């Protein structure tokens, strides 16, 4: 059996391409796996929320602070300046 250099070069080239493809596939698989884990967590959360005995957590709210002088909250109005001046 004679060894053909061009065939050997083709095999090496295909092996390098195969490694690149495998690397890309692993990266894509990690992304898909992460997305599936996130989806599973979301489904579990929805299942918990839709359960008959679900009670939402009570949110603690801060007490409103009283501003001195009774100033109103929000944006202050612009000063009205006539257009001709």
Protein backbone atom coordinates (compact mmCIF):
# COMPACT_ATOMS: atom_id res chain seq x y z
CA UNK A 1 0.00 0.00 0.00
CA UNK A 2 1.47 3.28 -1.09
CA UNK A 3 1.14 6.31 1.14
CA UNK A 4 -0.33 9.25 -0.71
CA UNK A 5 0.70 12.57 0.84
CA UNK A 6 -2.31 14.43 -0.55
CA UNK A 7 -4.66 11.94 1.14
CA UNK A 8 -2.77 12.32 4.42
CA UNK A 9 -3.03 16.12 4.15
CA UNK A 10 -6.77 15.78 3.48
CA UNK A 11 -7.21 13.57 6.57
CA UNK A 12 -5.31 16.07 8.75
CA UNK A 13 -7.37 18.95 7.35
CA UNK A 14 -10.62 17.08 8.06
CA UNK A 15 -9.43 16.30 11.59
CA UNK A 16 -8.73 19.99 12.26
CA UNK A 17 -12.13 20.96 10.87
CA UNK A 18 -13.71 18.25 13.00
CA UNK A 19 -12.11 19.70 16.14
CA UNK A 20 -13.43 23.14 15.28
CA UNK A 21 -16.92 21.77 14.66
CA UNK A 22 -16.85 19.83 17.94
CA UNK A 23 -15.79 22.97 19.80
CA UNK A 24 -18.64 24.95 18.26
CA UNK A 25 -21.11 22.17 19.05
CA UNK A 26 -20.00 22.06 22.69
CA UNK A 27 -20.46 25.82 22.96
CA UNK A 28 -23.94 25.61 21.43
CA UNK A 29 -24.82 22.69 23.71
CA UNK A 30 -23.84 24.69 26.79
CA UNK A 31 -26.05 27.55 25.63
CA UNK A 32 -28.99 25.24 24.99
CA UNK A 33 -28.49 23.52 28.35
CA UNK A 34 -28.50 26.86 30.17
CA UNK A 35 -31.68 27.88 28.34
CA UNK A 36 -33.36 24.59 29.27
CA UNK A 37 -32.39 25.01 32.94
CA UNK A 38 -33.82 28.54 32.91
CA UNK A 39 -37.02 27.30 31.28
CA UNK A 40 -37.38 24.49 33.83
CA UNK A 41 -36.96 27.00 36.66
CA UNK A 42 -39.60 29.26 35.12
CA UNK A 43 -42.02 26.33 34.78
CA UNK A 44 -41.46 25.39 38.43
CA UNK A 45 -42.09 28.99 39.49
CA UNK A 46 -45.30 29.15 37.46
CA UNK A 47 -46.42 25.83 38.92
CA UNK A 48 -45.86 27.21 42.43
CA UNK A 49 -47.75 30.42 41.63
CA UNK A 50 -50.70 28.56 40.13
CA UNK A 51 -51.00 26.23 43.12
CA UNK A 52 -54.21 26.55 45.14
CA UNK A 53 -52.38 27.30 48.39
CA UNK A 54 -50.11 30.03 46.95
CA UNK A 55 -49.83 33.15 49.07
CA UNK A 56 -47.84 36.07 47.62
CA UNK A 57 -45.13 37.50 49.83
CA UNK A 58 -46.06 40.70 51.61
CA UNK A 59 -43.91 43.55 50.38
CA UNK A 60 -42.59 45.90 53.04
CA UNK A 61 -43.06 49.50 52.04
CA UNK A 62 -41.23 52.48 53.46
CA UNK A 63 -43.23 55.10 55.27
CA UNK A 64 -43.60 58.34 53.38
CA UNK A 65 -41.41 61.09 54.67
CA UNK A 66 -42.97 64.42 55.44
CA UNK A 67 -41.17 67.29 53.75
CA UNK A 68 -40.76 70.51 55.72
CA UNK A 69 -43.10 73.26 54.63
CA UNK A 70 -45.42 70.81 52.94
CA UNK A 71 -43.63 70.94 49.58
CA UNK A 72 -45.21 68.91 46.83
CA UNK A 73 -43.46 66.00 45.27
CA UNK A 74 -42.61 65.93 41.61
CA UNK A 75 -41.06 68.18 39.03
CA UNK A 76 -41.11 71.90 39.63
CA UNK A 77 -42.87 73.98 36.98
CA UNK A 78 -40.77 76.00 34.53
CA UNK A 79 -40.68 79.76 34.91
CA UNK A 80 -42.98 81.34 32.37
CA UNK A 81 -40.94 83.81 30.30
CA UNK A 82 -42.67 85.75 27.49
CA UNK A 83 -41.34 84.91 24.03
CA UNK A 84 -40.71 88.55 23.10
CA UNK A 85 -38.25 89.31 25.90
